[in-house]
N, C-alpha and C. Protein backbone atom coordinates (compact mmCIF):
# COMPACT_ATOMS: atom_id res chain seq x y z
N MET A 1 -13.76 -55.40 83.87
CA MET A 1 -12.55 -54.44 83.25
C MET A 1 -11.59 -55.00 83.10
N ALA A 2 -11.05 -54.87 81.68
CA ALA A 2 -9.56 -55.92 81.85
C ALA A 2 -8.33 -55.03 82.31
N THR A 3 -7.17 -55.93 82.32
CA THR A 3 -6.24 -55.35 83.08
C THR A 3 -5.35 -54.56 82.48
N GLY A 4 -4.63 -53.40 82.89
CA GLY A 4 -4.07 -52.32 82.01
C GLY A 4 -4.85 -51.38 81.71
N LYS A 5 -6.29 -51.35 82.16
CA LYS A 5 -7.18 -50.10 81.35
C LYS A 5 -7.76 -49.54 82.95
N ARG A 6 -7.59 -48.38 83.12
CA ARG A 6 -8.49 -47.69 84.18
C ARG A 6 -9.51 -46.44 83.60
N VAL A 7 -10.58 -46.51 84.65
CA VAL A 7 -11.37 -45.46 84.22
C VAL A 7 -11.84 -44.43 85.10
N ARG A 8 -11.84 -43.38 84.60
CA ARG A 8 -12.02 -41.84 85.04
C ARG A 8 -13.15 -41.05 84.37
N ASP A 9 -13.14 -40.14 84.96
CA ASP A 9 -14.16 -39.00 84.90
C ASP A 9 -13.51 -38.23 83.58
N ALA A 10 -14.04 -38.30 82.51
CA ALA A 10 -13.39 -36.96 81.15
C ALA A 10 -13.59 -35.88 81.36
N GLY A 11 -15.12 -35.52 82.21
CA GLY A 11 -15.71 -34.39 82.31
C GLY A 11 -14.65 -33.55 83.07
N LYS A 12 -13.43 -33.99 83.71
CA LYS A 12 -12.74 -32.99 84.33
C LYS A 12 -11.90 -32.48 83.43
N ALA A 13 -11.89 -33.31 82.28
CA ALA A 13 -10.60 -32.80 81.30
C ALA A 13 -11.31 -31.68 80.37
N GLY A 14 -12.22 -30.56 80.75
CA GLY A 14 -12.86 -29.85 80.11
C GLY A 14 -13.63 -29.75 79.04
N VAL A 15 -14.34 -31.13 78.72
CA VAL A 15 -15.16 -31.42 77.69
C VAL A 15 -16.41 -30.71 77.94
N LYS A 16 -16.91 -29.86 77.04
CA LYS A 16 -18.10 -29.23 77.25
C LYS A 16 -19.19 -28.98 76.32
N PRO A 17 -20.09 -30.01 76.17
CA PRO A 17 -20.56 -30.27 75.08
C PRO A 17 -21.81 -28.83 75.02
N GLN A 18 -21.99 -28.24 73.86
CA GLN A 18 -23.49 -27.77 74.01
C GLN A 18 -24.55 -28.33 74.91
N GLY A 19 -25.02 -27.44 75.44
CA GLY A 19 -26.38 -27.53 76.63
C GLY A 19 -25.55 -28.34 77.68
N ARG A 20 -26.45 -29.27 78.79
CA ARG A 20 -25.78 -29.94 79.74
C ARG A 20 -24.43 -30.32 79.62
N ARG A 21 -23.88 -30.18 80.70
CA ARG A 21 -22.46 -30.92 80.36
C ARG A 21 -22.41 -32.33 80.97
N ALA A 22 -21.53 -33.28 79.67
CA ALA A 22 -22.11 -34.39 79.52
C ALA A 22 -20.83 -34.85 80.25
N VAL A 23 -21.23 -36.27 80.86
CA VAL A 23 -19.96 -36.70 81.41
C VAL A 23 -19.56 -38.01 80.62
N LEU A 24 -18.73 -38.04 80.32
CA LEU A 24 -17.96 -39.16 79.45
C LEU A 24 -16.68 -40.45 80.40
N ALA A 25 -17.58 -41.82 80.38
CA ALA A 25 -16.64 -42.31 81.04
C ALA A 25 -15.39 -42.54 80.11
N THR A 26 -14.05 -42.75 80.66
CA THR A 26 -12.81 -43.30 80.11
C THR A 26 -12.18 -44.32 80.13
N VAL A 27 -11.66 -45.07 79.14
CA VAL A 27 -10.61 -46.21 79.17
C VAL A 27 -9.32 -45.80 78.89
N ASP A 28 -8.26 -45.95 79.71
CA ASP A 28 -7.06 -45.51 79.56
C ASP A 28 -6.39 -47.12 79.45
N TYR A 29 -5.52 -46.74 78.21
CA TYR A 29 -4.89 -47.92 77.47
C TYR A 29 -3.06 -47.69 77.55
N THR A 30 -2.88 -46.98 78.62
CA THR A 30 -1.52 -46.55 78.70
C THR A 30 -0.51 -47.77 79.37
N LEU A 31 -1.42 -48.21 80.46
CA LEU A 31 -0.61 -49.58 80.87
C LEU A 31 -0.45 -50.50 79.78
N ALA A 32 -1.22 -50.51 78.98
CA ALA A 32 -1.21 -51.56 77.66
C ALA A 32 0.06 -51.32 76.59
N LYS A 33 0.21 -49.91 76.58
CA LYS A 33 0.70 -49.69 75.68
C LYS A 33 2.37 -49.84 76.35
N ARG A 34 2.10 -49.51 77.91
CA ARG A 34 3.68 -50.00 78.21
C ARG A 34 4.21 -51.20 78.37
N ALA A 35 3.54 -52.05 78.38
CA ALA A 35 3.71 -53.57 78.40
C ALA A 35 4.28 -54.00 77.12
N LEU A 36 3.29 -53.21 75.87
CA LEU A 36 3.93 -53.48 74.78
C LEU A 36 5.16 -53.14 74.25
N LEU A 37 5.46 -51.85 74.79
CA LEU A 37 6.65 -51.07 74.44
C LEU A 37 7.76 -51.79 75.19
N ARG A 38 7.80 -52.23 76.49
CA ARG A 38 8.40 -53.14 77.08
C ARG A 38 8.72 -54.47 76.35
N ASN A 39 7.94 -54.94 75.75
CA ASN A 39 8.16 -56.15 75.10
C ASN A 39 8.89 -56.06 73.78
N VAL A 40 8.84 -54.77 73.13
CA VAL A 40 9.91 -54.39 72.36
C VAL A 40 11.11 -54.42 72.42
N ARG A 41 10.97 -53.61 73.73
CA ARG A 41 12.71 -53.24 74.24
C ARG A 41 13.41 -54.44 74.13
N LEU A 42 12.80 -55.60 74.85
CA LEU A 42 12.99 -56.88 74.86
C LEU A 42 13.69 -57.52 74.10
N GLY A 43 12.76 -57.18 73.04
CA GLY A 43 13.23 -58.28 71.83
C GLY A 43 12.00 -59.34 71.64
N LEU A 44 10.81 -59.43 72.27
CA LEU A 44 10.20 -60.08 72.57
C LEU A 44 8.75 -59.93 71.31
N VAL A 45 8.66 -58.87 70.68
CA VAL A 45 8.15 -58.35 69.78
C VAL A 45 8.76 -57.46 68.74
N SER A 46 8.67 -57.51 67.70
CA SER A 46 9.49 -56.84 66.75
C SER A 46 8.98 -55.29 66.65
N ARG A 47 9.62 -54.84 65.82
CA ARG A 47 9.44 -53.20 65.68
C ARG A 47 8.41 -53.05 64.27
N ILE A 48 8.92 -54.18 63.61
CA ILE A 48 7.89 -54.39 62.79
C ILE A 48 6.68 -54.68 62.67
N ASP A 49 6.22 -55.36 63.87
CA ASP A 49 4.93 -55.77 64.19
C ASP A 49 4.34 -54.72 64.97
N VAL A 50 4.65 -53.59 65.59
CA VAL A 50 4.29 -52.45 66.09
C VAL A 50 4.36 -51.37 65.45
N CYS A 51 4.95 -51.25 64.35
CA CYS A 51 4.89 -50.12 63.55
C CYS A 51 4.09 -50.36 62.34
N ASP A 52 2.80 -50.41 62.27
CA ASP A 52 2.38 -51.15 61.09
C ASP A 52 0.87 -50.45 60.67
N ALA A 53 0.99 -49.22 60.86
CA ALA A 53 -0.31 -48.38 60.72
C ALA A 53 -1.00 -48.76 59.08
N HIS A 54 -2.22 -48.88 59.40
CA HIS A 54 -2.83 -49.01 57.83
C HIS A 54 -2.88 -47.85 56.94
N PRO A 55 -2.62 -47.91 55.61
CA PRO A 55 -2.23 -46.75 55.13
C PRO A 55 -3.37 -45.19 55.19
N GLU A 56 -4.88 -46.10 55.19
CA GLU A 56 -6.03 -45.02 55.82
C GLU A 56 -5.75 -44.42 56.96
N LEU A 57 -5.05 -45.06 57.89
CA LEU A 57 -4.94 -44.33 59.31
C LEU A 57 -3.45 -43.32 58.98
N MET A 58 -2.61 -43.72 58.48
CA MET A 58 -1.29 -42.64 57.86
C MET A 58 -1.76 -41.34 57.19
N ARG A 59 -3.02 -41.60 56.16
CA ARG A 59 -3.40 -40.49 55.42
C ARG A 59 -4.31 -39.98 56.66
N ALA A 60 -5.00 -40.22 57.32
CA ALA A 60 -5.66 -39.41 58.12
C ALA A 60 -4.64 -38.75 59.32
N ALA A 61 -3.87 -39.44 59.97
CA ALA A 61 -2.84 -38.75 60.61
C ALA A 61 -1.95 -37.64 59.68
N LYS A 62 -1.61 -37.75 58.47
CA LYS A 62 -1.03 -36.53 57.84
C LYS A 62 -2.41 -35.55 57.75
N HIS A 63 -3.45 -35.39 57.36
CA HIS A 63 -4.26 -34.54 57.21
C HIS A 63 -5.34 -34.07 58.09
N VAL A 64 -5.46 -35.04 59.23
CA VAL A 64 -6.32 -34.48 60.37
C VAL A 64 -5.74 -34.78 61.96
N GLY A 65 -4.79 -35.38 61.83
CA GLY A 65 -3.98 -35.49 63.13
C GLY A 65 -3.45 -34.52 63.87
N GLU A 66 -3.64 -34.44 65.21
CA GLU A 66 -3.43 -33.41 65.87
C GLU A 66 -1.94 -33.31 66.89
N PRO A 67 -0.97 -32.69 66.87
CA PRO A 67 0.14 -32.91 67.26
C PRO A 67 0.27 -33.37 68.60
N ALA A 68 0.80 -34.47 69.13
CA ALA A 68 0.64 -34.82 70.52
C ALA A 68 2.01 -34.10 71.16
N ARG A 69 2.11 -34.08 72.57
CA ARG A 69 2.96 -33.56 73.35
C ARG A 69 4.23 -33.78 73.67
N ARG A 70 4.11 -35.13 72.88
CA ARG A 70 5.18 -36.24 73.28
C ARG A 70 5.82 -36.90 71.99
N PRO A 71 7.04 -37.33 72.05
CA PRO A 71 7.69 -38.08 70.76
C PRO A 71 7.05 -39.34 70.63
N CYS A 72 7.12 -39.99 69.51
CA CYS A 72 7.15 -41.13 69.45
C CYS A 72 7.53 -42.27 70.73
N PRO A 73 6.87 -43.31 70.87
CA PRO A 73 7.50 -43.98 71.96
C PRO A 73 8.30 -45.17 71.23
N VAL A 74 8.55 -45.02 70.14
CA VAL A 74 8.98 -46.20 69.34
C VAL A 74 10.43 -45.47 68.54
N CYS A 75 10.54 -44.59 67.59
CA CYS A 75 11.18 -44.03 67.22
C CYS A 75 12.03 -42.22 67.61
N GLU A 76 11.13 -41.92 69.01
CA GLU A 76 11.39 -40.80 69.38
C GLU A 76 11.38 -39.52 68.41
N ALA A 77 10.87 -39.68 67.31
CA ALA A 77 10.51 -38.42 66.33
C ALA A 77 9.23 -37.87 66.66
N ARG A 78 9.27 -36.52 66.52
CA ARG A 78 8.34 -35.66 66.76
C ARG A 78 6.96 -35.45 66.16
N GLU A 79 6.75 -36.77 65.31
CA GLU A 79 5.61 -36.97 64.43
C GLU A 79 4.60 -37.22 64.80
N LEU A 80 4.37 -37.84 66.48
CA LEU A 80 3.37 -38.41 66.82
C LEU A 80 1.58 -37.41 67.14
N VAL A 81 0.99 -37.94 66.20
CA VAL A 81 -0.40 -37.13 66.43
C VAL A 81 -1.71 -37.74 66.89
N LEU A 82 -2.62 -37.21 67.02
CA LEU A 82 -3.66 -38.28 67.64
C LEU A 82 -5.18 -38.14 66.80
N LEU A 83 -6.10 -39.14 66.61
CA LEU A 83 -7.10 -38.83 65.89
C LEU A 83 -7.71 -39.46 66.55
N ALA A 84 -9.17 -38.83 66.25
CA ALA A 84 -10.12 -39.10 67.03
C ALA A 84 -11.44 -39.88 66.14
N TYR A 85 -11.65 -40.58 66.45
CA TYR A 85 -12.93 -41.72 65.55
C TYR A 85 -13.95 -41.93 66.69
N VAL A 86 -15.33 -41.41 66.09
CA VAL A 86 -16.65 -41.36 66.78
C VAL A 86 -17.80 -42.57 66.22
N TYR A 87 -17.94 -43.64 66.99
CA TYR A 87 -19.25 -44.30 66.55
C TYR A 87 -20.04 -44.10 67.33
N GLY A 88 -21.63 -44.30 66.71
CA GLY A 88 -22.75 -44.24 67.36
C GLY A 88 -23.90 -44.96 66.62
N ASP A 89 -24.70 -45.26 67.28
CA ASP A 89 -26.01 -45.91 66.64
C ASP A 89 -26.57 -44.70 65.24
N ASP A 90 -26.93 -43.79 66.52
CA ASP A 90 -27.67 -42.45 65.78
C ASP A 90 -27.11 -41.19 65.16
N LEU A 91 -25.39 -41.63 64.66
CA LEU A 91 -24.73 -40.79 63.97
C LEU A 91 -24.85 -40.67 62.42
N ARG A 92 -25.61 -41.79 62.18
CA ARG A 92 -25.67 -41.65 60.40
C ARG A 92 -24.58 -41.71 59.67
N GLN A 93 -24.23 -40.41 58.61
CA GLN A 93 -23.05 -40.49 58.13
C GLN A 93 -21.88 -39.81 58.79
N ARG A 94 -21.94 -39.74 59.89
CA ARG A 94 -20.75 -39.14 60.86
C ARG A 94 -20.43 -40.32 61.63
N ASN A 95 -21.16 -41.37 61.55
CA ASN A 95 -20.40 -42.94 62.12
C ASN A 95 -19.20 -43.33 61.58
N GLY A 96 -18.23 -43.60 62.16
CA GLY A 96 -17.01 -44.26 61.88
C GLY A 96 -16.09 -43.20 61.21
N ARG A 97 -16.19 -42.00 61.05
CA ARG A 97 -15.10 -40.62 60.53
C ARG A 97 -14.21 -40.36 61.59
N VAL A 98 -12.91 -39.69 61.10
CA VAL A 98 -12.36 -39.50 61.85
C VAL A 98 -12.65 -37.77 62.39
N TRP A 99 -12.14 -37.41 63.49
CA TRP A 99 -12.61 -35.97 63.70
C TRP A 99 -11.38 -35.14 64.68
N PRO A 100 -11.18 -33.60 64.20
CA PRO A 100 -10.46 -33.19 65.54
C PRO A 100 -10.95 -33.58 66.68
N LEU A 101 -10.05 -33.63 67.65
CA LEU A 101 -10.31 -34.52 68.90
C LEU A 101 -11.23 -33.56 69.73
N ALA A 102 -11.21 -32.46 69.58
CA ALA A 102 -12.36 -31.45 70.82
C ALA A 102 -14.03 -31.94 70.06
N GLN A 103 -14.12 -31.78 68.93
CA GLN A 103 -15.23 -31.94 68.26
C GLN A 103 -15.78 -33.70 68.09
N ALA A 104 -14.47 -34.39 68.34
CA ALA A 104 -15.18 -35.52 68.41
C ALA A 104 -15.34 -36.17 69.91
N LEU A 105 -15.00 -35.37 70.75
CA LEU A 105 -15.19 -35.87 71.95
C LEU A 105 -16.85 -34.80 72.31
N ARG A 106 -16.99 -33.86 71.78
CA ARG A 106 -18.39 -33.26 72.02
C ARG A 106 -19.34 -33.92 71.52
N LEU A 107 -19.18 -34.47 70.20
CA LEU A 107 -20.04 -35.37 69.30
C LEU A 107 -20.48 -36.68 70.16
N ALA A 108 -19.45 -37.11 70.89
CA ALA A 108 -19.52 -38.36 71.42
C ALA A 108 -20.50 -38.05 72.51
N ALA A 109 -20.37 -36.85 73.34
CA ALA A 109 -20.91 -36.44 74.61
C ALA A 109 -22.74 -36.07 74.17
N GLU A 110 -22.91 -36.06 73.16
CA GLU A 110 -24.06 -35.41 72.75
C GLU A 110 -25.10 -36.62 72.19
N HIS A 111 -24.53 -37.66 72.03
CA HIS A 111 -25.46 -39.00 71.76
C HIS A 111 -25.22 -40.16 72.56
N ARG A 112 -26.24 -40.22 73.29
CA ARG A 112 -26.17 -41.55 74.28
C ARG A 112 -25.37 -42.83 73.83
N GLY A 113 -24.51 -43.14 74.09
CA GLY A 113 -24.08 -44.49 74.02
C GLY A 113 -22.82 -44.30 73.05
N ALA A 114 -22.83 -43.22 72.63
CA ALA A 114 -21.73 -42.92 71.49
C ALA A 114 -20.30 -43.01 71.97
N CYS A 115 -19.32 -43.41 71.39
CA CYS A 115 -17.93 -43.67 71.78
C CYS A 115 -16.98 -42.85 70.81
N CYS A 116 -15.80 -42.46 71.43
CA CYS A 116 -14.77 -41.63 70.74
C CYS A 116 -13.57 -42.55 71.08
N TYR A 117 -12.72 -43.11 70.19
CA TYR A 117 -11.41 -43.60 70.50
C TYR A 117 -10.38 -42.81 69.83
N VAL A 118 -9.58 -42.42 70.56
CA VAL A 118 -8.39 -41.72 70.50
C VAL A 118 -7.32 -42.66 70.19
N VAL A 119 -6.72 -42.37 68.87
CA VAL A 119 -5.37 -43.40 68.64
C VAL A 119 -4.41 -42.30 68.02
N GLU A 120 -3.02 -42.64 68.80
CA GLU A 120 -1.82 -42.26 68.58
C GLU A 120 -1.18 -43.05 67.28
N VAL A 121 -0.69 -42.11 66.45
CA VAL A 121 0.03 -42.45 65.32
C VAL A 121 1.37 -41.73 65.04
N CYS A 122 2.00 -42.47 64.92
CA CYS A 122 3.52 -41.23 64.22
C CYS A 122 3.71 -41.66 62.83
N ARG A 123 3.77 -40.51 62.17
CA ARG A 123 3.90 -40.18 60.99
C ARG A 123 5.17 -40.45 60.15
N ALA A 124 5.98 -40.84 61.34
CA ALA A 124 7.43 -41.34 60.72
C ALA A 124 7.89 -42.63 60.65
N CYS A 125 7.02 -43.66 61.59
CA CYS A 125 7.64 -44.72 61.64
C CYS A 125 6.25 -45.65 61.46
N ALA A 126 5.51 -45.16 61.76
CA ALA A 126 3.97 -45.79 61.58
C ALA A 126 3.73 -46.49 62.62
N TRP A 127 3.81 -46.19 63.78
CA TRP A 127 3.75 -46.67 64.95
C TRP A 127 1.97 -46.29 65.61
N ASN A 128 1.45 -47.04 65.94
CA ASN A 128 0.11 -47.00 66.23
C ASN A 128 -0.57 -47.80 67.28
N HIS A 129 -1.42 -46.53 68.34
CA HIS A 129 -1.59 -47.59 69.21
C HIS A 129 -3.35 -46.99 70.18
N LEU A 130 -4.51 -47.62 70.22
CA LEU A 130 -5.28 -46.97 70.98
C LEU A 130 -4.93 -46.39 72.16
N SER A 131 -5.15 -45.24 72.42
CA SER A 131 -4.87 -44.37 73.57
C SER A 131 -5.86 -44.09 74.62
N GLU A 132 -7.04 -44.22 74.27
CA GLU A 132 -8.22 -43.56 75.06
C GLU A 132 -9.60 -43.99 74.44
N ALA A 133 -10.55 -44.09 75.19
CA ALA A 133 -12.10 -44.73 74.66
C ALA A 133 -12.85 -43.85 75.71
N TYR A 134 -13.72 -43.01 75.12
CA TYR A 134 -14.87 -42.31 75.66
C TYR A 134 -15.93 -42.67 75.46
N THR A 135 -16.88 -42.96 76.34
CA THR A 135 -18.23 -43.48 76.14
C THR A 135 -19.16 -42.20 76.78
N ALA A 136 -20.34 -41.70 76.06
CA ALA A 136 -21.28 -40.77 76.70
C ALA A 136 -21.93 -41.59 77.50
N ARG A 137 -22.25 -41.26 79.03
CA ARG A 137 -23.14 -41.72 79.87
C ARG A 137 -24.15 -41.04 79.80
N HIS A 138 -24.38 -39.86 79.16
CA HIS A 138 -25.58 -39.18 79.48
C HIS A 138 -25.64 -38.20 77.80
N ALA A 139 -26.73 -37.83 77.19
CA ALA A 139 -26.46 -37.03 76.08
C ALA A 139 -27.16 -35.76 76.35
N GLY A 140 -26.19 -34.71 76.09
CA GLY A 140 -26.38 -33.43 76.22
C GLY A 140 -27.68 -32.68 75.98
């Protein structure tokens, strides 16, 4: 496990896929985000370097993003949204697509080894950062 990440049981977060309750392993990237934001505040990293969301990510943020409960950590606008992408060997056409958060967690939990990546994106300044990653330990 890399520095700046902690693992916890996502099953406590209320993720209840159909059938047996799946347990999701979680990697939280909060410490990595804090370090990056500290470097921006100190001038070691420019704001241009961290506010560089790809146009497809910005499009997804506009149409699928779910509002975050906090403002953007860079520009402090209330335009911060969460996106969830799911990847798995047996997902076929659903692999790599953006989903509403609850649906993405359910989809990842239902497929052994599937991963759900939650990305925070600011629609105002284009800040983007991987927030959490969930991996299914069991399939439901």
